Amino acid sequence: MVYYVSGSNIFGQWPSDDLVISEFRAIPQNNFKSQPKIIDINWAYNIFLIEDKFYLSGAWDGKIKQLVEIPLSANYISSPKELIVTGNDYYLLLASISTNAVMVLDLKMEKEVKKIHMNIEEPEVNITKEQKTKISKVVLVNDSCLYLTSAGNVYCGILPSYVDTKHCNGEVFDIQCGYEHYVMLTTTGTVYTWGNGRRLQLGHGDVSNLDVPTEVEALAGIKIVKISCGGWHSLALSEFGDLYAWGWNDMGQLGISNSIEDCQSYSVPTLVDFFDANGDELTLNVEDIACGSRHSAILLENNTVWTTGCNKYGQLGFSQDQCQSSRCFKVAFYCNNRSILMCGPWTTVIVSDT
């Protein structure tokens, strides 16, 4: 596995002396004891899994360029192999798959630890002991937090409260968070959003706030297979490789406009077209998507990575001197092998098979 990184390195979260990695660069493996696996990418630190142990790389305890093992409570948290670990600038959250226990480290309060045991509500069917509902995913972005269980139940907040999804079409199988909004995807390919809509990020055609997951009607009849959230924008990938984008577009993070003068925000999901350097439209399918705070990245079927939006920290894969932002998707990297995309707030990572 090879990781190609472009973006912020202000806190030394990547093994490089450069504060900004402005073009995609392979992470050197000799900085780690063995092959690292990227678990989470944040503003001030990253989380790696190395030899069945979780490490934080970057800012820790008032210092930068740190690589420290994340402290685990042996009395409360199970084996690292059964943990889901995520974090943000304020908290580290560790959820046990086997016990549904959650440990929250408050990074602003001298590493104060809060311990939570989720009272997971079982679906209204007969559940055997072998089918016990477990935490399957946790997303933590700023003050937004979502939990997803193996039974498709959704919980909101670091102190989790149950989100009623009985009205939804299909079982929930993916969840994503923006800074103030939530997106979820069901097994039928239906997209639901809720939360703050002041920057059009909910995709319902207005700026209303919603307390209940509500189907995005503009995507009705289109089977969506993947979703991703930026700070105040969202992307959705259809089964046919089409990309839909909506929300705030102040830096061109939606990639919809091919005009250097237009950064219109979009209140409903809008089909995104792609153009080569000559202005000719491409007909290639999109295979993967990822969002940063104010930028987006996609992988096309020809193994090219395209980026758009804010490039303040080189997260688009271009030098900031040449490109401060992009208002449409531009090709930034060619992958030699099968790859997937990950984004942090101001970082883009290409995870490529060796």
Protein backbone atom coordinates (compact mmCIF):
# COMPACT_ATOMS: atom_id res chain seq x y z
CA MET A 1 0.00 0.00 0.00
CA VAL A 2 1.31 3.44 -0.97
CA TYR A 3 -0.12 6.75 0.27
CA TYR A 4 0.22 9.82 -1.95
CA VAL A 5 -0.40 13.01 0.05
CA SER A 6 -0.99 16.64 -0.83
CA GLY A 7 -2.00 19.35 1.61
CA SER A 8 -1.31 20.78 5.06
CA ASN A 9 1.62 19.56 7.15
CA ILE A 10 1.73 22.50 9.57
CA PHE A 11 1.74 20.26 12.64
CA GLY A 12 4.13 17.66 11.26
CA GLN A 13 1.35 15.12 10.86
CA TRP A 14 3.07 13.69 7.77
CA PRO A 15 6.72 12.54 7.66
CA SER A 16 8.02 15.57 5.76
CA ASP A 17 9.87 18.76 6.72
CA ASP A 18 7.65 20.83 4.42
CA LEU A 19 4.83 22.79 6.08
CA VAL A 20 2.78 22.41 2.91
CA ILE A 21 2.93 19.42 0.56
CA SER A 22 1.75 21.11 -2.61
CA GLU A 23 2.03 18.20 -5.03
CA PHE A 24 1.11 14.58 -4.45
CA ARG A 25 4.01 12.80 -2.80
CA ALA A 26 4.42 9.23 -1.55
CA ILE A 27 4.75 8.94 2.23
CA PRO A 28 8.14 7.42 3.12
CA GLN A 29 7.67 4.18 5.01
CA ASN A 30 10.98 4.30 6.89
CA ASN A 31 9.47 6.68 9.47
CA PHE A 32 7.28 3.86 10.78
CA LYS A 33 8.12 0.52 12.38
CA SER A 34 5.96 -1.27 9.84
CA GLN A 35 3.35 -0.57 7.16
CA PRO A 36 1.00 2.13 8.54
CA LYS A 37 -2.70 2.26 7.80
CA ILE A 38 -4.36 5.67 7.75
CA ILE A 39 -7.46 5.63 9.94
CA ASP A 40 -8.39 9.30 10.20
CA ILE A 41 -7.13 12.65 8.86
CA ASN A 42 -7.65 15.83 10.87
CA TRP A 43 -6.47 19.43 10.92
CA ALA A 44 -3.75 19.02 13.56
CA TYR A 45 -3.08 15.28 13.57
CA ASN A 46 -3.65 11.98 11.81
CA ILE A 47 -4.47 8.58 13.25
CA PHE A 48 -2.51 5.55 12.05
CA LEU A 49 -2.83 1.85 12.81
CA ILE A 50 0.63 0.31 13.15
CA GLU A 51 1.14 -3.29 14.29
CA ASP A 52 -2.32 -3.46 15.89
CA LYS A 53 -1.74 -0.24 17.83
CA PHE A 54 -3.22 3.19 17.18
CA TYR A 55 -0.87 6.15 16.88
CA LEU A 56 -1.48 9.88 16.70
CA SER A 57 0.86 11.77 14.39
CA GLY A 58 1.12 15.57 14.56
CA ALA A 59 0.10 17.90 17.39
CA TRP A 60 -0.16 16.30 20.83
CA ASP A 61 0.23 17.71 24.33
CA GLY A 62 1.25 21.15 23.09
CA LYS A 63 3.96 19.83 20.78
CA ILE A 64 4.10 19.25 17.03
CA LYS A 65 5.73 16.47 14.99
CA GLN A 66 4.72 13.89 17.56
CA LEU A 67 4.15 10.18 16.98
CA VAL A 68 2.55 8.79 20.13
CA GLU A 69 0.56 5.67 20.88
CA ILE A 70 -3.04 6.55 21.72
CA PRO A 71 -3.70 5.65 25.37
CA LEU A 72 -6.29 2.94 25.82
CA SER A 73 -8.11 1.91 28.97
CA ALA A 74 -7.63 -1.84 29.35
CA ASN A 75 -10.52 -2.00 31.80
CA TYR A 76 -12.98 -0.38 29.44
CA ILE A 77 -11.86 -0.79 25.84
CA SER A 78 -11.35 -4.14 24.15
CA SER A 79 -8.60 -5.26 21.78
CA PRO A 80 -7.38 -2.62 19.27
CA LYS A 81 -8.52 -5.02 16.54
CA GLU A 82 -12.09 -4.42 17.69
CA LEU A 83 -11.88 -0.63 17.91
CA ILE A 84 -13.18 2.19 15.77
CA VAL A 85 -11.03 5.28 16.32
CA THR A 86 -11.78 8.79 15.10
CA GLY A 87 -11.19 12.34 16.28
CA ASN A 88 -11.23 16.08 15.69
CA ASP A 89 -9.55 19.15 17.21
CA TYR A 90 -11.47 18.68 20.44
CA TYR A 91 -11.91 14.97 21.06
CA LEU A 92 -10.54 11.51 20.42
CA LEU A 93 -13.30 8.91 20.27
CA LEU A 94 -12.71 5.18 20.60
CA ALA A 95 -15.66 2.81 20.14
CA SER A 96 -15.54 -0.89 20.95
CA ILE A 97 -17.23 -3.06 18.33
CA SER A 98 -17.59 -5.99 20.73
CA THR A 99 -18.94 -4.19 23.81
CA ASN A 100 -20.50 -0.99 22.37
CA ALA A 101 -18.41 0.95 24.89
CA VAL A 102 -17.18 4.41 23.88
CA MET A 103 -14.21 6.25 25.37
CA VAL A 104 -13.95 9.98 24.69
CA LEU A 105 -10.72 11.88 25.38
CA ASP A 106 -11.27 15.62 25.76
CA LEU A 107 -8.16 17.16 24.18
CA LYS A 108 -8.91 20.63 25.60
CA MET A 109 -9.42 19.50 29.21
CA GLU A 110 -6.05 17.90 29.95
CA LYS A 111 -7.05 14.62 28.32
CA GLU A 112 -10.10 14.15 30.56
CA VAL A 113 -11.72 10.81 29.75
CA LYS A 114 -15.45 10.25 29.45
CA LYS A 115 -16.73 6.70 29.32
CA ILE A 116 -20.03 5.88 27.65
CA HIS A 117 -21.86 2.62 27.17
CA MET A 118 -24.33 2.91 24.33
CA ASN A 119 -27.80 1.62 25.06
CA ILE A 120 -28.37 0.42 21.51
CA GLU A 121 -31.99 0.01 20.50
CA GLU A 122 -32.56 -3.24 18.65
CA PRO A 123 -34.66 -3.18 15.48
CA GLU A 124 -38.20 -4.49 15.80
CA VAL A 125 -37.35 -8.04 14.76
CA ASN A 126 -36.19 -11.10 16.62
CA ILE A 127 -32.45 -10.88 17.24
CA THR A 128 -30.36 -13.91 18.25
CA LYS A 129 -27.25 -13.56 20.39
CA GLU A 130 -25.13 -14.17 17.30
CA GLN A 131 -26.86 -11.23 15.61
CA LYS A 132 -26.28 -8.77 18.43
CA THR A 133 -26.25 -5.20 17.15
CA LYS A 134 -22.79 -3.62 17.19
CA ILE A 135 -21.29 -0.23 16.39
CA SER A 136 -20.06 -0.39 12.79
CA LYS A 137 -19.05 3.20 12.00
CA VAL A 138 -18.45 6.50 13.77
CA VAL A 139 -18.03 9.91 12.08
CA LEU A 140 -16.81 12.91 14.10
CA VAL A 141 -16.47 16.34 12.46
CA ASN A 142 -16.25 19.47 14.62
CA ASP A 143 -19.37 19.33 16.82
CA SER A 144 -21.13 16.81 14.55
CA CYS A 145 -21.04 13.12 15.45
CA LEU A 146 -22.91 10.11 14.06
CA TYR A 147 -22.86 6.43 14.98
CA LEU A 148 -24.08 3.61 12.73
CA THR A 149 -24.79 0.09 13.98
CA SER A 150 -24.71 -3.24 12.19
CA ALA A 151 -28.52 -3.24 12.22
CA GLY A 152 -28.66 0.08 10.37
CA ASN A 153 -29.58 2.17 13.41
CA VAL A 154 -28.26 5.73 13.61
CA TYR A 155 -27.31 7.75 16.69
CA CYS A 156 -26.41 11.45 16.82
CA GLY A 157 -24.09 13.33 19.19
CA ILE A 158 -20.99 12.35 21.14
CA LEU A 159 -23.43 11.46 23.90
CA PRO A 160 -25.52 9.42 21.46
CA SER A 161 -29.24 9.85 21.01
CA TYR A 162 -31.31 7.63 18.73
CA VAL A 163 -32.26 9.00 15.30
CA ASP A 164 -35.60 7.69 14.05
CA THR A 165 -35.15 6.29 10.53
CA LYS A 166 -38.21 4.04 10.40
CA HIS A 167 -39.71 6.26 7.68
CA CYS A 168 -36.68 5.80 5.43
CA ASN A 169 -36.68 3.68 2.31
CA GLY A 170 -34.27 0.81 3.01
CA GLU A 171 -31.75 0.18 5.77
CA VAL A 172 -29.09 2.77 6.50
CA PHE A 173 -25.64 1.53 5.51
CA ASP A 174 -23.54 4.70 5.36
CA ILE A 175 -23.35 7.98 7.27
CA GLN A 176 -21.40 11.21 6.74
CA CYS A 177 -21.11 14.55 8.59
CA GLY A 178 -20.38 18.08 7.53
CA TYR A 179 -19.68 20.86 10.00
CA GLU A 180 -23.40 21.43 10.59
CA HIS A 181 -25.24 18.83 8.55
CA TYR A 182 -25.70 15.08 8.25
CA VAL A 183 -26.11 12.79 5.26
CA MET A 184 -27.03 9.11 5.20
CA LEU A 185 -27.44 6.50 2.48
CA THR A 186 -29.74 3.49 2.53
CA THR A 187 -29.51 0.10 0.84
CA THR A 188 -31.98 1.26 -1.82
CA GLY A 189 -29.60 4.03 -2.90
CA THR A 190 -31.73 6.75 -1.29
CA VAL A 191 -30.08 9.83 0.25
CA TYR A 192 -31.38 11.58 3.37
CA THR A 193 -30.11 14.80 4.96
CA TRP A 194 -30.83 16.86 8.06
CA GLY A 195 -29.25 19.52 10.26
CA ASN A 196 -28.42 23.13 9.42
CA GLY A 197 -29.29 24.20 5.89
CA ARG A 198 -28.14 27.83 5.95
CA ARG A 199 -25.53 27.22 3.24
CA LEU A 200 -27.77 25.02 1.08
CA GLN A 201 -25.91 21.91 2.23
CA LEU A 202 -29.07 19.83 2.78
CA GLY A 203 -29.99 19.81 -0.91
CA HIS A 204 -33.71 20.54 -0.50
CA GLY A 205 -33.79 23.81 -2.44
CA ASP A 206 -33.85 26.18 0.53
CA VAL A 207 -31.94 27.22 3.66
CA SER A 208 -34.31 25.59 6.15
CA ASN A 209 -33.01 23.56 9.08
CA LEU A 210 -34.31 20.01 9.48
CA ASP A 211 -34.50 17.92 12.64
CA VAL A 212 -35.50 14.69 10.89
CA PRO A 213 -33.66 12.81 8.10
CA THR A 214 -35.46 13.88 4.91
CA GLU A 215 -35.14 12.34 1.47
CA VAL A 216 -33.32 14.49 -1.09
CA GLU A 217 -36.02 14.61 -3.73
CA ALA A 218 -33.72 15.78 -6.52
CA LEU A 219 -32.00 12.38 -6.33
CA ALA A 220 -35.23 10.36 -6.28
CA GLY A 221 -35.08 7.56 -8.83
CA ILE A 222 -31.26 7.71 -8.98
CA LYS A 223 -29.51 4.91 -7.14
CA ILE A 224 -26.65 6.43 -5.17
CA VAL A 225 -23.78 4.16 -4.13
CA LYS A 226 -21.51 6.57 -2.23
CA ILE A 227 -21.81 9.86 -0.35
CA SER A 228 -19.25 12.32 0.99
CA CYS A 229 -19.48 15.54 3.02
CA GLY A 230 -17.31 18.62 3.08
CA GLY A 231 -17.70 21.44 5.58
CA TRP A 232 -20.87 22.80 3.97
CA HIS A 233 -21.16 20.83 0.73
CA SER A 234 -21.89 17.26 -0.30
CA LEU A 235 -21.19 14.84 -3.13
CA ALA A 236 -23.13 11.77 -4.26
CA LEU A 237 -21.99 9.09 -6.72
CA SER A 238 -24.59 7.15 -8.72
CA GLU A 239 -24.47 3.50 -9.76
CA PHE A 240 -23.74 4.64 -13.32
CA GLY A 241 -20.70 6.70 -12.34
CA ASP A 242 -22.39 10.12 -12.39
CA LEU A 243 -21.42 12.76 -9.85
CA TYR A 244 -23.93 15.05 -8.13
CA ALA A 245 -22.91 18.03 -5.97
CA TRP A 246 -24.72 20.60 -3.86
CA GLY A 247 -24.21 23.16 -1.09
CA TRP A 248 -21.75 25.98 -0.54
CA ASN A 249 -19.48 26.74 -3.48
CA ASP A 250 -17.48 29.79 -2.39
CA MET A 251 -14.16 28.28 -3.50
CA GLY A 252 -15.47 26.16 -6.36
CA GLN A 253 -15.60 23.01 -4.23
CA LEU A 254 -18.63 21.72 -6.15
CA GLY A 255 -16.70 21.73 -9.41
CA ILE A 256 -19.87 22.49 -11.35
CA SER A 257 -18.91 25.68 -13.14
CA ASN A 258 -16.40 25.72 -15.97
CA SER A 259 -16.32 29.50 -15.83
CA ILE A 260 -13.59 31.30 -13.90
CA GLU A 261 -16.13 33.99 -12.97
CA ASP A 262 -18.84 31.79 -11.45
CA CYS A 263 -18.90 30.30 -7.95
CA GLN A 264 -22.65 29.90 -7.57
CA SER A 265 -23.82 27.72 -4.69
CA TYR A 266 -26.41 25.06 -5.49
CA SER A 267 -29.44 24.28 -3.33
CA VAL A 268 -30.20 20.90 -4.95
CA PRO A 269 -27.98 18.09 -6.24
CA THR A 270 -26.67 19.03 -9.68
CA LEU A 271 -24.97 16.79 -12.23
CA VAL A 272 -21.28 17.64 -12.62
CA ASP A 273 -19.61 17.60 -16.04
CA PHE A 274 -15.87 17.30 -16.59
CA PHE A 275 -13.71 18.99 -19.20
CA ASP A 276 -10.14 18.39 -20.30
CA ALA A 277 -7.50 21.10 -20.75
CA ASN A 278 -8.86 21.86 -24.21
CA GLY A 279 -12.39 22.42 -22.91
CA ASP A 280 -13.73 19.18 -24.38
CA GLU A 281 -16.26 17.31 -22.26
CA LEU A 282 -15.21 13.93 -20.89
CA THR A 283 -17.51 10.90 -20.79
CA LEU A 284 -15.58 8.88 -18.23
CA ASN A 285 -17.31 7.39 -15.18
CA VAL A 286 -16.48 8.48 -11.64
CA GLU A 287 -15.28 5.61 -9.42
CA ASP A 288 -14.59 7.32 -6.09
CA ILE A 289 -15.27 10.62 -4.32
CA ALA A 290 -14.00 12.46 -1.24
CA CYS A 291 -14.51 15.88 0.33
CA GLY A 292 -12.32 18.15 2.41
CA SER A 293 -13.52 21.23 4.24
CA ARG A 294 -13.71 23.38 1.09
CA HIS A 295 -12.38 21.10 -1.64
CA SER A 296 -13.38 17.91 -3.44
CA ALA A 297 -11.55 15.04 -5.12
CA ILE A 298 -12.73 12.37 -7.53
CA LEU A 299 -11.20 9.30 -9.16
CA LEU A 300 -12.17 8.57 -12.77
CA GLU A 301 -12.24 5.16 -14.42
CA ASN A 302 -8.99 5.91 -16.28
CA ASN A 303 -7.18 6.12 -12.88
CA THR A 304 -6.83 9.90 -12.93
CA VAL A 305 -7.50 11.97 -9.80
CA TRP A 306 -9.26 15.31 -10.30
CA THR A 307 -9.61 18.03 -7.67
CA THR A 308 -11.45 21.33 -7.26
CA GLY A 309 -11.99 24.06 -4.67
CA CYS A 310 -9.68 25.69 -2.15
CA ASN A 311 -5.93 25.14 -2.58
CA LYS A 312 -4.68 27.21 0.38
CA TYR A 313 -2.54 24.32 1.64
CA GLY A 314 -1.85 22.63 -1.70
CA GLN A 315 -4.61 20.10 -1.07
CA LEU A 316 -5.57 20.04 -4.75
CA GLY A 317 -2.17 18.69 -5.71
CA PHE A 318 -1.03 21.96 -7.30
CA SER A 319 1.38 24.65 -6.13
CA GLN A 320 -0.44 27.45 -4.29
CA ASP A 321 1.59 29.99 -6.28
CA GLN A 322 0.12 28.66 -9.52
CA CYS A 323 -3.38 27.86 -8.26
CA GLN A 324 -4.99 29.40 -5.16
CA SER A 325 -8.29 27.73 -5.97
CA SER A 326 -10.03 25.94 -8.80
CA ARG A 327 -13.68 26.38 -9.78
CA CYS A 328 -13.88 23.22 -11.83
CA PHE A 329 -12.32 19.77 -11.59
CA LYS A 330 -8.79 19.55 -12.98
CA VAL A 331 -6.61 16.49 -13.34
CA ALA A 332 -4.03 16.40 -10.54
CA PHE A 333 -2.55 12.89 -10.52
CA TYR A 334 -2.39 9.64 -12.45
CA CYS A 335 -2.53 6.37 -10.50
CA ASN A 336 -0.63 3.36 -11.78
CA ASN A 337 -2.64 0.93 -9.67
CA ARG A 338 -6.10 0.55 -8.21
CA SER A 339 -6.70 3.40 -5.77
CA ILE A 340 -9.21 4.98 -3.41
CA LEU A 341 -9.46 8.53 -2.07
CA MET A 342 -9.44 10.04 1.41
CA CYS A 343 -9.65 13.69 2.43
CA GLY A 344 -8.95 15.55 5.61
CA PRO A 345 -10.09 19.15 6.14
CA TRP A 346 -7.13 20.52 4.14
CA THR A 347 -5.55 17.36 2.77
CA THR A 348 -6.08 14.86 -0.04
CA VAL A 349 -4.72 11.31 0.14
CA ILE A 350 -4.60 8.70 -2.61
CA VAL A 351 -4.45 5.17 -1.23
CA SER A 352 -2.88 3.04 -3.97
CA ASP A 353 -2.18 -0.67 -4.22
CA THR A 354 1.50 -1.45 -4.53
